[in-house]
Amino acid sequence: MDFTARHIGFVLAAYGIAFALIATMALATVMRYRAVKRRLEELERLGAPRRRKAAPAPSADSTSSGDPTEEQPA
């Protein structure tokens, strides 16, 4: 990068703004994750029921790939 160019201020400002926006979005994501995690822990502590049951784990002897369009042997 040529730091003696006349437009260097614009280039550095663009990099600074881009960095600030990305950092802000990353920080907002982390803060939202922590808030949701705290809320989930609180609900689980209070014994709130879940909307859906967890999907059962596939059995070890199953040879199916889990693809619903896959034909099953007869």
Protein backbone atom coordinates (compact mmCIF):
# COMPACT_ATOMS: atom_id res chain seq x y z
CA MET A 1 0.00 0.00 0.00
CA ASP A 2 1.35 3.36 -0.99
CA PHE A 3 1.06 5.59 2.10
CA THR A 4 2.13 8.65 0.14
CA ALA A 5 -0.91 8.59 -2.17
CA ARG A 6 -3.32 11.50 -1.92
CA HIS A 7 -6.31 9.23 -1.29
CA ILE A 8 -4.74 7.28 1.60
CA GLY A 9 -7.08 8.95 4.10
CA PHE A 10 -10.13 7.59 2.31
CA VAL A 11 -8.64 4.11 2.10
CA LEU A 12 -7.71 4.03 5.79
CA ALA A 13 -11.13 5.44 6.75
CA ALA A 14 -12.85 2.70 4.73
CA TYR A 15 -10.74 0.03 6.44
CA GLY A 16 -11.48 1.57 9.83
CA ILE A 17 -15.22 1.71 9.23
CA ALA A 18 -15.27 -1.87 7.93
CA PHE A 19 -13.31 -3.08 10.96
CA ALA A 20 -15.60 -1.19 13.35
CA LEU A 21 -18.74 -2.64 11.74
CA ILE A 22 -17.43 -6.20 11.77
CA ALA A 23 -16.29 -5.88 15.38
CA THR A 24 -19.68 -4.43 16.38
CA MET A 25 -21.54 -7.27 14.67
CA ALA A 26 -19.31 -9.88 16.32
CA LEU A 27 -19.79 -8.26 19.74
CA ALA A 28 -23.57 -8.10 19.25
CA THR A 29 -23.60 -11.78 18.29
CA VAL A 30 -21.64 -12.80 21.38
CA MET A 31 -23.84 -10.66 23.65
CA ARG A 32 -27.03 -12.12 22.12
CA TYR A 33 -25.69 -15.67 22.50
CA ARG A 34 -24.94 -15.11 26.17
CA ALA A 35 -28.38 -13.58 26.79
CA VAL A 36 -30.16 -16.49 25.11
CA LYS A 37 -28.01 -18.99 26.97
CA ARG A 38 -28.81 -17.32 30.32
CA ARG A 39 -32.53 -17.33 29.47
CA LEU A 40 -32.46 -21.00 28.48
CA GLU A 41 -30.66 -21.93 31.71
CA GLU A 42 -33.24 -19.97 33.69
CA LEU A 43 -36.13 -21.70 31.94
CA GLU A 44 -34.57 -25.13 32.46
CA ARG A 45 -34.00 -24.31 36.14
CA LEU A 46 -37.67 -23.36 36.49
CA GLY A 47 -38.71 -26.60 34.82
CA ALA A 48 -40.33 -25.07 31.76
CA PRO A 49 -41.30 -27.73 29.22
CA ARG A 50 -39.69 -27.75 25.81
CA ARG A 51 -41.80 -27.24 22.71
CA ARG A 52 -40.39 -30.26 20.92
CA LYS A 53 -38.97 -33.49 22.13
CA ALA A 54 -35.35 -34.12 21.24
CA ALA A 55 -34.92 -36.40 18.23
CA PRO A 56 -33.84 -39.90 19.24
CA ALA A 57 -30.25 -40.75 18.50
CA PRO A 58 -29.82 -43.21 15.63
CA SER A 59 -29.06 -46.73 16.74
CA ALA A 60 -25.57 -48.12 16.20
CA ASP A 61 -26.85 -51.05 14.11
CA SER A 62 -28.72 -48.78 11.69
CA THR A 63 -27.29 -48.72 8.17
CA SER A 64 -29.55 -45.94 6.95
CA SER A 65 -27.93 -42.67 6.01
CA GLY A 66 -30.91 -40.77 7.41
CA ASP A 67 -32.01 -39.59 3.98
CA PRO A 68 -35.84 -39.81 3.89
CA THR A 69 -35.77 -40.23 0.10
CA GLU A 70 -33.52 -43.26 0.36
CA GLU A 71 -35.31 -46.51 -0.50
CA GLN A 72 -35.43 -49.09 2.25
CA PRO A 73 -34.55 -52.72 1.37
CA ALA A 74 -37.51 -55.11 1.39
